[in-house]
Amino acid sequence: LRGAGVRWLVTHDHVLFSSHLDPDVLAPFGERLVLRAEFDPFRGPRDAALFDAQDAYYVPMAGFGVVERPGPSVRIYELR
């Protein structure tokens, strides 16, 4: 990635099957990834919101109080 001039990495993660981040993918980067920004749609415990497992829709069916906005958690890393 460095040879291609890549300096930033954006990830997304959610409780839904369609939006999981595999930590093993980031592990080889180690300390070369520096978290610069994080946008989390949850303001309470993720497991308090109930999502339809057959639907990749980010709005819960119940537990609305722990969701500030629909969508995944987004993290922006700088690659050193």
C-alpha atoms as a PDB file:
ATOM      1  CA  LEU A   1       0.000   0.000   0.000  1.00  0.00           C
ATOM      2  CA  ARG A   2       2.804   2.376   0.830  1.00  0.00           C
ATOM      3  CA  GLY A   3       4.311   1.868  -2.643  1.00  0.00           C
ATOM      4  CA  ALA A   4       0.968   2.862  -4.165  1.00  0.00           C
ATOM      5  CA  GLY A   5       0.885   6.066  -2.117  1.00  0.00           C
ATOM      6  CA  VAL A   6      -1.946   4.957   0.174  1.00  0.00           C
ATOM      7  CA  ARG A   7      -2.013   7.083   3.336  1.00  0.00           C
ATOM      8  CA  TRP A   8      -5.500   6.514   4.728  1.00  0.00           C
ATOM      9  CA  LEU A   9      -7.634   3.486   5.543  1.00  0.00           C
ATOM     10  CA  VAL A  10     -11.388   3.705   6.177  1.00  0.00           C
ATOM     11  CA  THR A  11     -13.147   0.781   7.869  1.00  0.00           C
ATOM     12  CA  HIS A  12     -16.758   0.004   8.750  1.00  0.00           C
ATOM     13  CA  ASP A  13     -18.217  -2.369  11.321  1.00  0.00           C
ATOM     14  CA  HIS A  14     -21.723  -3.218  12.510  1.00  0.00           C
ATOM     15  CA  VAL A  15     -23.632  -6.001  14.232  1.00  0.00           C
ATOM     16  CA  LEU A  16     -25.212  -6.944  10.890  1.00  0.00           C
ATOM     17  CA  PHE A  17     -23.728  -9.828   8.895  1.00  0.00           C
ATOM     18  CA  SER A  18     -23.027  -7.554   5.955  1.00  0.00           C
ATOM     19  CA  SER A  19     -20.721  -5.140   7.744  1.00  0.00           C
ATOM     20  CA  HIS A  20     -18.091  -6.858   9.867  1.00  0.00           C
ATOM     21  CA  LEU A  21     -14.467  -5.864  10.168  1.00  0.00           C
ATOM     22  CA  ASP A  22     -12.082  -8.789  10.477  1.00  0.00           C
ATOM     23  CA  PRO A  23      -9.428  -7.741  13.037  1.00  0.00           C
ATOM     24  CA  ASP A  24      -6.977 -10.213  11.473  1.00  0.00           C
ATOM     25  CA  VAL A  25      -6.939  -8.053   8.337  1.00  0.00           C
ATOM     26  CA  LEU A  26      -5.694  -5.029  10.300  1.00  0.00           C
ATOM     27  CA  ALA A  27      -3.301  -6.965  12.549  1.00  0.00           C
ATOM     28  CA  PRO A  28      -0.338  -6.986  10.115  1.00  0.00           C
ATOM     29  CA  PHE A  29      -0.346  -3.175  10.063  1.00  0.00           C
ATOM     30  CA  GLY A  30       0.322  -3.039  13.814  1.00  0.00           C
ATOM     31  CA  GLU A  31       1.350   0.397  15.013  1.00  0.00           C
ATOM     32  CA  ARG A  32       1.579   1.750  11.467  1.00  0.00           C
ATOM     33  CA  LEU A  33      -2.184   2.445  11.661  1.00  0.00           C
ATOM     34  CA  VAL A  34      -3.052   5.499  13.731  1.00  0.00           C
ATOM     35  CA  LEU A  35      -6.740   6.068  14.482  1.00  0.00           C
ATOM     36  CA  ARG A  36      -7.590   9.637  13.467  1.00  0.00           C
ATOM     37  CA  ALA A  37     -11.423   9.662  13.617  1.00  0.00           C
ATOM     38  CA  GLU A  38     -14.235   7.404  14.748  1.00  0.00           C
ATOM     39  CA  PHE A  39     -17.959   7.744  14.075  1.00  0.00           C
ATOM     40  CA  ASP A  40     -20.074   5.341  16.115  1.00  0.00           C
ATOM     41  CA  PRO A  41     -23.843   5.192  15.536  1.00  0.00           C
ATOM     42  CA  PHE A  42     -24.417   3.596  18.946  1.00  0.00           C
ATOM     43  CA  ARG A  43     -24.757   5.617  22.124  1.00  0.00           C
ATOM     44  CA  GLY A  44     -25.443   2.564  24.239  1.00  0.00           C
ATOM     45  CA  PRO A  45     -24.670  -1.161  24.175  1.00  0.00           C
ATOM     46  CA  ARG A  46     -24.858  -2.560  20.643  1.00  0.00           C
ATOM     47  CA  ASP A  47     -26.698  -5.669  21.794  1.00  0.00           C
ATOM     48  CA  ALA A  48     -29.584  -3.528  23.094  1.00  0.00           C
ATOM     49  CA  ALA A  49     -30.665  -2.770  19.503  1.00  0.00           C
ATOM     50  CA  LEU A  50     -32.503  -5.504  17.617  1.00  0.00           C
ATOM     51  CA  PHE A  51     -31.821  -5.805  13.885  1.00  0.00           C
ATOM     52  CA  ASP A  52     -33.414  -8.065  11.292  1.00  0.00           C
ATOM     53  CA  ALA A  53     -30.765 -10.730  10.645  1.00  0.00           C
ATOM     54  CA  GLN A  54     -32.085 -11.390   7.121  1.00  0.00           C
ATOM     55  CA  ASP A  55     -31.967  -7.763   6.119  1.00  0.00           C
ATOM     56  CA  ALA A  56     -28.848  -5.630   5.729  1.00  0.00           C
ATOM     57  CA  TYR A  57     -30.758  -2.539   6.863  1.00  0.00           C
ATOM     58  CA  TYR A  58     -29.072  -0.377   9.496  1.00  0.00           C
ATOM     59  CA  VAL A  59     -32.227   0.795  11.300  1.00  0.00           C
ATOM     60  CA  PRO A  60     -33.157  -1.421  14.256  1.00  0.00           C
ATOM     61  CA  MET A  61     -36.567  -3.014  14.728  1.00  0.00           C
ATOM     62  CA  ALA A  62     -36.357  -2.378  18.485  1.00  0.00           C
ATOM     63  CA  GLY A  63     -33.946  -0.694  20.871  1.00  0.00           C
ATOM     64  CA  PHE A  64     -33.979   2.650  19.095  1.00  0.00           C
ATOM     65  CA  GLY A  65     -32.689   4.424  22.206  1.00  0.00           C
ATOM     66  CA  VAL A  66     -29.145   3.117  21.778  1.00  0.00           C
ATOM     67  CA  VAL A  67     -28.830   4.185  18.118  1.00  0.00           C
ATOM     68  CA  GLU A  68     -27.991   7.799  17.359  1.00  0.00           C
ATOM     69  CA  ARG A  69     -28.024   7.350  13.571  1.00  0.00           C
ATOM     70  CA  PRO A  70     -28.345   4.433  11.153  1.00  0.00           C
ATOM     71  CA  GLY A  71     -25.213   3.000   9.629  1.00  0.00           C
ATOM     72  CA  PRO A  72     -22.007   1.296  10.632  1.00  0.00           C
ATOM     73  CA  SER A  73     -19.240   2.419  12.942  1.00  0.00           C
ATOM     74  CA  VAL A  74     -16.688   4.130  10.716  1.00  0.00           C
ATOM     75  CA  ARG A  75     -13.017   4.482  11.624  1.00  0.00           C
ATOM     76  CA  ILE A  76     -10.433   6.455   9.704  1.00  0.00           C
ATOM     77  CA  TYR A  77      -6.787   5.467  10.126  1.00  0.00           C
ATOM     78  CA  GLU A  78      -3.647   7.139   8.891  1.00  0.00           C
ATOM     79  CA  LEU A  79      -1.112   4.677   7.515  1.00  0.00           C
ATOM     80  CA  ARG A  80       2.423   5.553   8.579  1.00  0.00           C
END
